[in-house]
Amino acid sequence: MYVEEIKLKRGTKRYCCTLVRESYRHDGRVLHRTVCNISKLPAPVIAQIRAGLRNAEGAGALDGTLVVERQREYGASYALLDLARQLGLDRLIYSRKEPWR
């Protein structure tokens, strides 16, 4: 997966779209699939996502802030939720005051 920035110029207007994409092969041709559109996220968050996708170890290995504190097994969903809370993505994705359901 990688982050692609698409810039279009239509007349006097300029459009910029930032996408998370993945490439795959089908019948010998290289094709691209859009995973998500991250255009409305702030620039520092987009830079973190871009750096995290470039790094084979993941986003937590960039500065060593992801540390295992407990040895209990909670599952992949809890680990991802905890990582999202550490990065502040839970506030960006879900801005309501009520808890997730």
PDB file of N, CA and C in Angstrom:
ATOM      1  N   MET A   1       0.844  -1.170   0.000  1.00  0.00           N
ATOM      2  CA  MET A   1       0.000   0.000   0.000  1.00  0.00           C
ATOM      3  C   MET A   1       0.892   1.235   0.000  1.00  0.00           C
ATOM      4  N   TYR A   2       0.351   2.307  -0.517  1.00  0.00           N
ATOM      5  CA  TYR A   2       1.084   3.552  -0.616  1.00  0.00           C
ATOM      6  C   TYR A   2       0.099   4.714  -0.651  1.00  0.00           C
ATOM      7  N   VAL A   3       0.601   5.918  -0.413  1.00  0.00           N
ATOM      8  CA  VAL A   3      -0.209   7.132  -0.460  1.00  0.00           C
ATOM      9  C   VAL A   3       0.075   7.824  -1.785  1.00  0.00           C
ATOM     10  N   GLU A   4      -0.988   8.137  -2.509  1.00  0.00           N
ATOM     11  CA  GLU A   4      -0.852   8.809  -3.799  1.00  0.00           C
ATOM     12  C   GLU A   4      -1.579  10.136  -3.750  1.00  0.00           C
ATOM     13  N   GLU A   5      -0.921  11.166  -4.224  1.00  0.00           N
ATOM     14  CA  GLU A   5      -1.522  12.494  -4.280  1.00  0.00           C
ATOM     15  C   GLU A   5      -1.813  12.826  -5.735  1.00  0.00           C
ATOM     16  N   ILE A   6      -3.080  13.069  -6.039  1.00  0.00           N
ATOM     17  CA  ILE A   6      -3.503  13.351  -7.406  1.00  0.00           C
ATOM     18  C   ILE A   6      -3.853  14.832  -7.500  1.00  0.00           C
ATOM     19  N   LYS A   7      -3.228  15.533  -8.441  1.00  0.00           N
ATOM     20  CA  LYS A   7      -3.487  16.957  -8.643  1.00  0.00           C
ATOM     21  C   LYS A   7      -4.073  17.144 -10.033  1.00  0.00           C
ATOM     22  N   LEU A   8      -5.228  17.800 -10.093  1.00  0.00           N
ATOM     23  CA  LEU A   8      -5.903  18.067 -11.355  1.00  0.00           C
ATOM     24  C   LEU A   8      -6.096  19.568 -11.525  1.00  0.00           C
ATOM     25  N   LYS A   9      -6.034  20.028 -12.767  1.00  0.00           N
ATOM     26  CA  LYS A   9      -6.311  21.423 -13.073  1.00  0.00           C
ATOM     27  C   LYS A   9      -7.392  21.457 -14.133  1.00  0.00           C
ATOM     28  N   ARG A  10      -8.522  22.019 -13.764  1.00  0.00           N
ATOM     29  CA  ARG A  10      -9.662  22.161 -14.684  1.00  0.00           C
ATOM     30  C   ARG A  10      -9.950  23.653 -14.849  1.00  0.00           C
ATOM     31  N   GLY A  11      -9.527  24.205 -15.941  1.00  0.00           N
ATOM     32  CA  GLY A  11      -9.706  25.644 -16.152  1.00  0.00           C
ATOM     33  C   GLY A  11      -8.806  26.413 -15.199  1.00  0.00           C
ATOM     34  N   THR A  12      -9.405  27.253 -14.374  1.00  0.00           N
ATOM     35  CA  THR A  12      -8.634  28.025 -13.406  1.00  0.00           C
ATOM     36  C   THR A  12      -8.609  27.368 -12.037  1.00  0.00           C
ATOM     37  N   LYS A  13      -9.357  26.301 -11.846  1.00  0.00           N
ATOM     38  CA  LYS A  13      -9.424  25.637 -10.544  1.00  0.00           C
ATOM     39  C   LYS A  13      -8.424  24.491 -10.459  1.00  0.00           C
ATOM     40  N   ARG A  14      -7.909  24.296  -9.251  1.00  0.00           N
ATOM     41  CA  ARG A  14      -6.996  23.184  -8.989  1.00  0.00           C
ATOM     42  C   ARG A  14      -7.623  22.282  -7.945  1.00  0.00           C
ATOM     43  N   TYR A  15      -7.552  20.982  -8.161  1.00  0.00           N
ATOM     44  CA  TYR A  15      -8.093  19.999  -7.242  1.00  0.00           C
ATOM     45  C   TYR A  15      -6.966  19.075  -6.794  1.00  0.00           C
ATOM     46  N   CYS A  16      -6.978  18.722  -5.505  1.00  0.00           N
ATOM     47  CA  CYS A  16      -5.967  17.833  -4.955  1.00  0.00           C
ATOM     48  C   CYS A  16      -6.666  16.744  -4.162  1.00  0.00           C
ATOM     49  N   CYS A  17      -6.303  15.519  -4.404  1.00  0.00           N
ATOM     50  CA  CYS A  17      -6.922  14.378  -3.744  1.00  0.00           C
ATOM     51  C   CYS A  17      -5.808  13.461  -3.242  1.00  0.00           C
ATOM     52  N   THR A  18      -5.892  13.051  -1.981  1.00  0.00           N
ATOM     53  CA  THR A  18      -4.890  12.169  -1.398  1.00  0.00           C
ATOM     54  C   THR A  18      -5.548  10.830  -1.095  1.00  0.00           C
ATOM     55  N   LEU A  19      -5.010   9.761  -1.661  1.00  0.00           N
ATOM     56  CA  LEU A  19      -5.611   8.437  -1.559  1.00  0.00           C
ATOM     57  C   LEU A  19      -4.616   7.425  -1.012  1.00  0.00           C
ATOM     58  N   VAL A  20      -5.126   6.464  -0.251  1.00  0.00           N
ATOM     59  CA  VAL A  20      -4.331   5.296   0.132  1.00  0.00           C
ATOM     60  C   VAL A  20      -4.696   4.222  -0.880  1.00  0.00           C
ATOM     61  N   ARG A  21      -3.695   3.724  -1.594  1.00  0.00           N
ATOM     62  CA  ARG A  21      -3.946   2.766  -2.666  1.00  0.00           C
ATOM     63  C   ARG A  21      -3.079   1.535  -2.508  1.00  0.00           C
ATOM     64  N   GLU A  22      -3.479   0.484  -3.181  1.00  0.00           N
ATOM     65  CA  GLU A  22      -2.664  -0.721  -3.255  1.00  0.00           C
ATOM     66  C   GLU A  22      -2.621  -1.179  -4.699  1.00  0.00           C
ATOM     67  N   SER A  23      -1.531  -1.792  -5.074  1.00  0.00           N
ATOM     68  CA  SER A  23      -1.400  -2.288  -6.442  1.00  0.00           C
ATOM     69  C   SER A  23      -1.405  -3.810  -6.410  1.00  0.00           C
ATOM     70  N   TYR A  24      -1.949  -4.384  -7.477  1.00  0.00           N
ATOM     71  CA  TYR A  24      -2.020  -5.834  -7.593  1.00  0.00           C
ATOM     72  C   TYR A  24      -1.975  -6.202  -9.074  1.00  0.00           C
ATOM     73  N   ARG A  25      -1.743  -7.460  -9.336  1.00  0.00           N
ATOM     74  CA  ARG A  25      -1.679  -7.938 -10.717  1.00  0.00           C
ATOM     75  C   ARG A  25      -2.916  -8.774 -11.037  1.00  0.00           C
ATOM     76  N   HIS A  26      -3.450  -8.561 -12.232  1.00  0.00           N
ATOM     77  CA  HIS A  26      -4.576  -9.348 -12.714  1.00  0.00           C
ATOM     78  C   HIS A  26      -4.337  -9.623 -14.198  1.00  0.00           C
ATOM     79  N   ASP A  27      -4.198 -10.890 -14.533  1.00  0.00           N
ATOM     80  CA  ASP A  27      -3.919 -11.318 -15.913  1.00  0.00           C
ATOM     81  C   ASP A  27      -2.668 -10.646 -16.467  1.00  0.00           C
ATOM     82  N   GLY A  28      -1.641 -10.513 -15.628  1.00  0.00           N
ATOM     83  CA  GLY A  28      -0.374  -9.948 -16.070  1.00  0.00           C
ATOM     84  C   GLY A  28      -0.326  -8.436 -16.122  1.00  0.00           C
ATOM     85  N   ARG A  29      -1.438  -7.766 -15.803  1.00  0.00           N
ATOM     86  CA  ARG A  29      -1.454  -6.308 -15.806  1.00  0.00           C
ATOM     87  C   ARG A  29      -1.401  -5.791 -14.377  1.00  0.00           C
ATOM     88  N   VAL A  30      -0.745  -4.681 -14.176  1.00  0.00           N
ATOM     89  CA  VAL A  30      -0.698  -4.052 -12.861  1.00  0.00           C
ATOM     90  C   VAL A  30      -1.886  -3.111 -12.730  1.00  0.00           C
ATOM     91  N   LEU A  31      -2.698  -3.336 -11.708  1.00  0.00           N
ATOM     92  CA  LEU A  31      -3.877  -2.512 -11.450  1.00  0.00           C
ATOM     93  C   LEU A  31      -3.757  -1.878 -10.074  1.00  0.00           C
ATOM     94  N   HIS A  32      -4.545  -0.827  -9.851  1.00  0.00           N
ATOM     95  CA  HIS A  32      -4.519  -0.123  -8.577  1.00  0.00           C
ATOM     96  C   HIS A  32      -5.919  -0.107  -7.990  1.00  0.00           C
ATOM     97  N   ARG A  33      -5.995  -0.297  -6.686  1.00  0.00           N
ATOM     98  CA  ARG A  33      -7.269  -0.279  -5.970  1.00  0.00           C
ATOM     99  C   ARG A  33      -7.173   0.803  -4.895  1.00  0.00           C
ATOM    100  N   THR A  34      -8.197   1.677  -4.812  1.00  0.00           N
ATOM    101  CA  THR A  34      -8.225   2.710  -3.785  1.00  0.00           C
ATOM    102  C   THR A  34      -8.783   2.119  -2.504  1.00  0.00           C
ATOM    103  N   VAL A  35      -8.011   2.211  -1.424  1.00  0.00           N
ATOM    104  CA  VAL A  35      -8.434   1.694  -0.124  1.00  0.00           C
ATOM    105  C   VAL A  35      -9.257   2.741   0.604  1.00  0.00           C
ATOM    106  N   CYS A  36      -8.758   3.990   0.666  1.00  0.00           N
ATOM    107  CA  CYS A  36      -9.521   5.063   1.304  1.00  0.00           C
ATOM    108  C   CYS A  36      -9.026   6.423   0.822  1.00  0.00           C
ATOM    109  N   ASN A  37      -9.883   7.413   1.006  1.00  0.00           N
ATOM    110  CA  ASN A  37      -9.583   8.795   0.653  1.00  0.00           C
ATOM    111  C   ASN A  37      -9.244   9.531   1.948  1.00  0.00           C
ATOM    112  N   ILE A  38      -8.042  10.078   2.044  1.00  0.00           N
ATOM    113  CA  ILE A  38      -7.606  10.776   3.255  1.00  0.00           C
ATOM    114  C   ILE A  38      -7.379  12.263   2.979  1.00  0.00           C
ATOM    115  N   SER A  39      -8.065  12.806   2.008  1.00  0.00           N
ATOM    116  CA  SER A  39      -7.859  14.190   1.596  1.00  0.00           C
ATOM    117  C   SER A  39      -8.213  15.189   2.684  1.00  0.00           C
ATOM    118  N   LYS A  40      -9.202  14.885   3.512  1.00  0.00           N
ATOM    119  CA  LYS A  40      -9.667  15.852   4.505  1.00  0.00           C
ATOM    120  C   LYS A  40      -8.897  15.788   5.820  1.00  0.00           C
ATOM    121  N   LEU A  41      -7.944  14.888   5.940  1.00  0.00           N
ATOM    122  CA  LEU A  41      -7.135  14.822   7.148  1.00  0.00           C
ATOM    123  C   LEU A  41      -6.082  15.924   7.138  1.00  0.00           C
ATOM    124  N   PRO A  42      -5.627  16.357   8.310  1.00  0.00           N
ATOM    125  CA  PRO A  42      -4.566  17.381   8.360  1.00  0.00           C
ATOM    126  C   PRO A  42      -3.260  16.860   7.760  1.00  0.00           C
ATOM    127  N   ALA A  43      -2.437  17.765   7.270  1.00  0.00           N
ATOM    128  CA  ALA A  43      -1.181  17.403   6.606  1.00  0.00           C
ATOM    129  C   ALA A  43      -0.237  16.587   7.495  1.00  0.00           C
ATOM    130  N   PRO A  44      -0.098  16.894   8.810  1.00  0.00           N
ATOM    131  CA  PRO A  44       0.790  16.057   9.638  1.00  0.00           C
ATOM    132  C   PRO A  44       0.310  14.612   9.760  1.00  0.00           C
ATOM    133  N   VAL A  45      -1.004  14.418   9.786  1.00  0.00           N
ATOM    134  CA  VAL A  45      -1.549  13.054   9.877  1.00  0.00           C
ATOM    135  C   VAL A  45      -1.283  12.310   8.573  1.00  0.00           C
ATOM    136  N   ILE A  46      -1.438  12.991   7.447  1.00  0.00           N
ATOM    137  CA  ILE A  46      -1.153  12.363   6.150  1.00  0.00           C
ATOM    138  C   ILE A  46       0.322  11.985   6.068  1.00  0.00           C
ATOM    139  N   ALA A  47       1.185  12.850   6.586  1.00  0.00           N
ATOM    140  CA  ALA A  47       2.622  12.542   6.583  1.00  0.00           C
ATOM    141  C   ALA A  47       2.920  11.326   7.459  1.00  0.00           C
ATOM    142  N   GLN A  48       2.230  11.198   8.600  1.00  0.00           N
ATOM    143  CA  GLN A  48       2.419  10.027   9.457  1.00  0.00           C
ATOM    144  C   GLN A  48       1.944   8.755   8.768  1.00  0.00           C
ATOM    145  N   ILE A  49       0.813   8.837   8.091  1.00  0.00           N
ATOM    146  CA  ILE A  49       0.295   7.668   7.374  1.00  0.00           C
ATOM    147  C   ILE A  49       1.260   7.274   6.264  1.00  0.00           C
ATOM    148  N   ARG A  50       1.756   8.261   5.517  1.00  0.00           N
ATOM    149  CA  ARG A  50       2.708   7.989   4.430  1.00  0.00           C
ATOM    150  C   ARG A  50       3.982   7.328   4.976  1.00  0.00           C
ATOM    151  N   ALA A  51       4.515   7.860   6.084  1.00  0.00           N
ATOM    152  CA  ALA A  51       5.725   7.288   6.675  1.00  0.00           C
ATOM    153  C   ALA A  51       5.454   5.898   7.240  1.00  0.00           C
ATOM    154  N   GLY A  52       4.294   5.701   7.820  1.00  0.00           N
ATOM    155  CA  GLY A  52       3.950   4.389   8.364  1.00  0.00           C
ATOM    156  C   GLY A  52       3.813   3.330   7.286  1.00  0.00           C
ATOM    157  N   LEU A  53       3.275   3.703   6.138  1.00  0.00           N
ATOM    158  CA  LEU A  53       3.136   2.737   5.050  1.00  0.00           C
ATOM    159  C   LEU A  53       4.476   2.455   4.374  1.00  0.00           C
ATOM    160  N   ARG A  54       5.379   3.420   4.397  1.00  0.00           N
ATOM    161  CA  ARG A  54       6.713   3.185   3.825  1.00  0.00           C
ATOM    162  C   ARG A  54       7.532   2.251   4.702  1.00  0.00           C
ATOM    163  N   ASN A  55       7.338   2.359   6.000  1.00  0.00           N
ATOM    164  CA  ASN A  55       8.103   1.555   6.951  1.00  0.00           C
ATOM    165  C   ASN A  55       7.497   0.155   7.025  1.00  0.00           C
ATOM    166  N   ALA A  56       8.287  -0.857   6.836  1.00  0.00           N
ATOM    167  CA  ALA A  56       7.787  -2.234   6.839  1.00  0.00           C
ATOM    168  C   ALA A  56       7.310  -2.669   8.213  1.00  0.00           C
ATOM    169  N   GLU A  57       7.815  -2.056   9.276  1.00  0.00           N
ATOM    170  CA  GLU A  57       7.448  -2.436  10.633  1.00  0.00           C
ATOM    171  C   GLU A  57       6.110  -1.864  11.065  1.00  0.00           C
ATOM    172  N   GLY A  58       5.595  -0.835  10.396  1.00  0.00           N
ATOM    173  CA  GLY A  58       4.332  -0.222  10.773  1.00  0.00           C
ATOM    174  C   GLY A  58       4.548   1.147  11.382  1.00  0.00           C
ATOM    175  N   ALA A  59       3.464   1.835  11.677  1.00  0.00           N
ATOM    176  CA  ALA A  59       3.537   3.209  12.160  1.00  0.00           C
ATOM    177  C   ALA A  59       4.137   3.312  13.543  1.00  0.00           C
ATOM    178  N   GLY A  60       3.983   2.300  14.373  1.00  0.00           N
ATOM    179  CA  GLY A  60       4.499   2.374  15.731  1.00  0.00           C
ATOM    180  C   GLY A  60       6.007   2.288  15.804  1.00  0.00           C
ATOM    181  N   ALA A  61       6.650   1.793  14.777  1.00  0.00           N
ATOM    182  CA  ALA A  61       8.098   1.626  14.809  1.00  0.00           C
ATOM    183  C   ALA A  61       8.839   2.881  14.356  1.00  0.00           C
ATOM    184  N   LEU A  62       8.127   3.947  14.017  1.00  0.00           N
ATOM    185  CA  LEU A  62       8.788   5.151  13.550  1.00  0.00           C
ATOM    186  C   LEU A  62       9.644   5.797  14.632  1.00  0.00           C
ATOM    187  N   ASP A  63       9.075   5.976  15.816  1.00  0.00           N
ATOM    188  CA  ASP A  63       9.822   6.629  16.871  1.00  0.00           C
ATOM    189  C   ASP A  63       9.902   5.776  18.129  1.00  0.00           C
ATOM    190  N   GLY A  64       9.500   4.551  18.079  1.00  0.00           N
ATOM    191  CA  GLY A  64       9.620   3.649  19.218  1.00  0.00           C
ATOM    192  C   GLY A  64       8.614   3.898  20.325  1.00  0.00           C
ATOM    193  N   THR A  65       7.495   4.574  20.044  1.00  0.00           N
ATOM    194  CA  THR A  65       6.536   4.878  21.098  1.00  0.00           C
ATOM    195  C   THR A  65       5.580   3.735  21.385  1.00  0.00           C
ATOM    196  N   LEU A  66       5.460   2.780  20.495  1.00  0.00           N
ATOM    197  CA  LEU A  66       4.572   1.648  20.716  1.00  0.00           C
ATOM    198  C   LEU A  66       5.308   0.617  21.552  1.00  0.00           C
ATOM    199  N   VAL A  67       4.874   0.454  22.792  1.00  0.00           N
ATOM    200  CA  VAL A  67       5.544  -0.440  23.731  1.00  0.00           C
ATOM    201  C   VAL A  67       4.512  -1.394  24.316  1.00  0.00           C
ATOM    202  N   VAL A  68       4.837  -2.667  24.401  1.00  0.00           N
ATOM    203  CA  VAL A  68       3.968  -3.645  25.025  1.00  0.00           C
ATOM    204  C   VAL A  68       4.124  -3.516  26.533  1.00  0.00           C
ATOM    205  N   GLU A  69       3.032  -3.143  27.210  1.00  0.00           N
ATOM    206  CA  GLU A  69       3.087  -2.951  28.657  1.00  0.00           C
ATOM    207  C   GLU A  69       2.547  -4.154  29.412  1.00  0.00           C
ATOM    208  N   ARG A  70       1.600  -4.850  28.819  1.00  0.00           N
ATOM    209  CA  ARG A  70       0.995  -6.004  29.477  1.00  0.00           C
ATOM    210  C   ARG A  70       1.170  -7.221  28.591  1.00  0.00           C
ATOM    211  N   GLN A  71       1.311  -8.372  29.210  1.00  0.00           N
ATOM    212  CA  GLN A  71       1.537  -9.601  28.454  1.00  0.00           C
ATOM    213  C   GLN A  71       0.255 -10.362  28.159  1.00  0.00           C
ATOM    214  N   ARG A  72      -0.888  -9.876  28.600  1.00  0.00           N
ATOM    215  CA  ARG A  72      -2.150 -10.568  28.328  1.00  0.00           C
ATOM    216  C   ARG A  72      -2.526 -10.433  26.854  1.00  0.00           C
ATOM    217  N   GLU A  73      -3.236 -11.419  26.367  1.00  0.00           N
ATOM    218  CA  GLU A  73      -3.667 -11.403  24.966  1.00  0.00           C
ATOM    219  C   GLU A  73      -5.090 -10.863  24.899  1.00  0.00           C
ATOM    220  N   TYR A  74      -5.266  -9.718  24.259  1.00  0.00           N
ATOM    221  CA  TYR A  74      -6.589  -9.117  24.119  1.00  0.00           C
ATOM    222  C   TYR A  74      -7.122  -9.223  22.698  1.00  0.00           C
ATOM    223  N   GLY A  75      -6.281  -9.507  21.766  1.00  0.00           N
ATOM    224  CA  GLY A  75      -6.740  -9.635  20.395  1.00  0.00           C
ATOM    225  C   GLY A  75      -6.331  -8.459  19.533  1.00  0.00           C
ATOM    226  N   ALA A  76      -6.452  -8.665  18.246  1.00  0.00           N
ATOM    227  CA  ALA A  76      -6.006  -7.660  17.279  1.00  0.00           C
ATOM    228  C   ALA A  76      -6.869  -6.411  17.320  1.00  0.00           C
ATOM    229  N   SER A  77      -8.189  -6.553  17.549  1.00  0.00           N
ATOM    230  CA  SER A  77      -9.032  -5.360  17.567  1.00  0.00           C
ATOM    231  C   SER A  77      -8.686  -4.424  18.705  1.00  0.00           C
ATOM    232  N   TYR A  78      -8.390  -4.973  19.872  1.00  0.00           N
ATOM    233  CA  TYR A  78      -8.026  -4.124  21.003  1.00  0.00           C
ATOM    234  C   TYR A  78      -6.692  -3.422  20.745  1.00  0.00           C
ATOM    235  N   ALA A  79      -5.754  -4.134  20.153  1.00  0.00           N
ATOM    236  CA  ALA A  79      -4.457  -3.529  19.856  1.00  0.00           C
ATOM    237  C   ALA A  79      -4.610  -2.374  18.862  1.00  0.00           C
ATOM    238  N   LEU A  80      -5.456  -2.555  17.840  1.00  0.00           N
ATOM    239  CA  LEU A  80      -5.675  -1.488  16.868  1.00  0.00           C
ATOM    240  C   LEU A  80      -6.412  -0.310  17.483  1.00  0.00           C
ATOM    241  N   LEU A  81      -7.390  -0.584  18.359  1.00  0.00           N
ATOM    242  CA  LEU A  81      -8.101   0.498  19.033  1.00  0.00           C
ATOM    243  C   LEU A  81      -7.158   1.276  19.938  1.00  0.00           C
ATOM    244  N   ASP A  82      -6.293   0.584  20.643  1.00  0.00           N
ATOM    245  CA  ASP A  82      -5.332   1.239  21.520  1.00  0.00           C
ATOM    246  C   ASP A  82      -4.349   2.098  20.708  1.00  0.00           C
ATOM    247  N   LEU A  83      -3.895   1.584  19.565  1.00  0.00           N
ATOM    248  CA  LEU A  83      -3.002   2.348  18.695  1.00  0.00           C
ATOM    249  C   LEU A  83      -3.705   3.589  18.156  1.00  0.00           C
ATOM    250  N   ALA A  84      -4.982   3.446  17.773  1.00  0.00           N
ATOM    251  CA  ALA A  84      -5.748   4.593  17.278  1.00  0.00           C
ATOM    252  C   ALA A  84      -5.899   5.647  18.370  1.00  0.00           C
ATOM    253  N   ARG A  85      -6.106   5.218  19.615  1.00  0.00           N
ATOM    254  CA  ARG A  85      -6.208   6.174  20.721  1.00  0.00           C
ATOM    255  C   ARG A  85      -4.879   6.874  20.966  1.00  0.00           C
ATOM    256  N   GLN A  86      -3.768   6.141  20.870  1.00  0.00           N
ATOM    257  CA  GLN A  86      -2.452   6.748  21.077  1.00  0.00           C
ATOM    258  C   GLN A  86      -2.142   7.792  20.011  1.00  0.00           C
ATOM    259  N   LEU A  87      -2.547   7.516  18.767  1.00  0.00           N
ATOM    260  CA  LEU A  87      -2.290   8.452  17.668  1.00  0.00           C
ATOM    261  C   LEU A  87      -3.325   9.568  17.586  1.00  0.00           C
ATOM    262  N   GLY A  88      -4.446   9.422  18.320  1.00  0.00           N
ATOM    263  CA  GLY A  88      -5.501  10.425  18.276  1.00  0.00           C
ATOM    264  C   GLY A  88      -6.455  10.245  17.124  1.00  0.00           C
ATOM    265  N   LEU A  89      -6.389   9.093  16.445  1.00  0.00           N
ATOM    266  CA  LEU A  89      -7.275   8.857  15.307  1.00  0.00           C
ATOM    267  C   LEU A  89      -8.712   8.636  15.734  1.00  0.00           C
ATOM    268  N   ASP A  90      -8.943   8.171  16.975  1.00  0.00           N
ATOM    269  CA  ASP A  90     -10.322   7.936  17.415  1.00  0.00           C
ATOM    270  C   ASP A  90     -11.076   9.261  17.498  1.00  0.00           C
ATOM    271  N   ARG A  91     -10.403  10.356  17.847  1.00  0.00           N
ATOM    272  CA  ARG A  91     -11.064  11.659  17.890  1.00  0.00           C
ATOM    273  C   ARG A  91     -11.288  12.210  16.485  1.00  0.00           C
ATOM    274  N   LEU A  92     -10.409  11.885  15.540  1.00  0.00           N
ATOM    275  CA  LEU A  92     -10.585  12.365  14.164  1.00  0.00           C
ATOM    276  C   LEU A  92     -11.703  11.621  13.446  1.00  0.00           C
ATOM    277  N   ILE A  93     -11.768  10.311  13.655  1.00  0.00           N
ATOM    278  CA  ILE A  93     -12.746   9.491  12.947  1.00  0.00           C
ATOM    279  C   ILE A  93     -14.138   9.663  13.536  1.00  0.00           C
ATOM    280  N   TYR A  94     -14.241   9.652  14.870  1.00  0.00           N
ATOM    281  CA  TYR A  94     -15.526   9.685  15.535  1.00  0.00           C
ATOM    282  C   TYR A  94     -15.550  10.879  16.459  1.00  0.00           C
ATOM    283  N   SER A  95     -16.208  11.963  16.064  1.00  0.00           N
ATOM    284  CA  SER A  95     -16.142  13.205  16.809  1.00  0.00           C
ATOM    285  C   SER A  95     -17.315  13.412  17.776  1.00  0.00           C
ATOM    286  N   ARG A  96     -18.201  12.438  17.925  1.00  0.00           N
ATOM    287  CA  ARG A  96     -19.325  12.590  18.852  1.00  0.00           C
ATOM    288  C   ARG A  96     -18.885  12.339  20.283  1.00  0.00           C
ATOM    289  N   LYS A  97     -19.676  12.842  21.229  1.00  0.00           N
ATOM    290  CA  LYS A  97     -19.354  12.700  22.640  1.00  0.00           C
ATOM    291  C   LYS A  97     -19.722  11.316  23.189  1.00  0.00           C
ATOM    292  N   GLU A  98     -20.694  10.638  22.547  1.00  0.00           N
ATOM    293  CA  GLU A  98     -21.111   9.326  23.027  1.00  0.00           C
ATOM    294  C   GLU A  98     -20.051   8.272  22.722  1.00  0.00           C
ATOM    295  N   PRO A  99     -20.005   7.181  23.487  1.00  0.00           N
ATOM    296  CA  PRO A  99     -19.039   6.116  23.194  1.00  0.00           C
ATOM    297  C   PRO A  99     -19.404   5.364  21.912  1.00  0.00           C
ATOM    298  N   TRP A 100     -18.432   4.650  21.379  1.00  0.00           N
ATOM    299  CA  TRP A 100     -18.649   3.844  20.170  1.00  0.00           C
ATOM    300  C   TRP A 100     -19.633   2.737  20.450  1.00  0.00           C
ATOM    301  N   ARG A 101     -20.411   2.350  19.444  1.00  0.00           N
ATOM    302  CA  ARG A 101     -21.355   1.237  19.589  1.00  0.00           C
ATOM    303  C   ARG A 101     -21.125   0.221  18.505  1.00  0.00           C
TER     304      ARG A 101
END
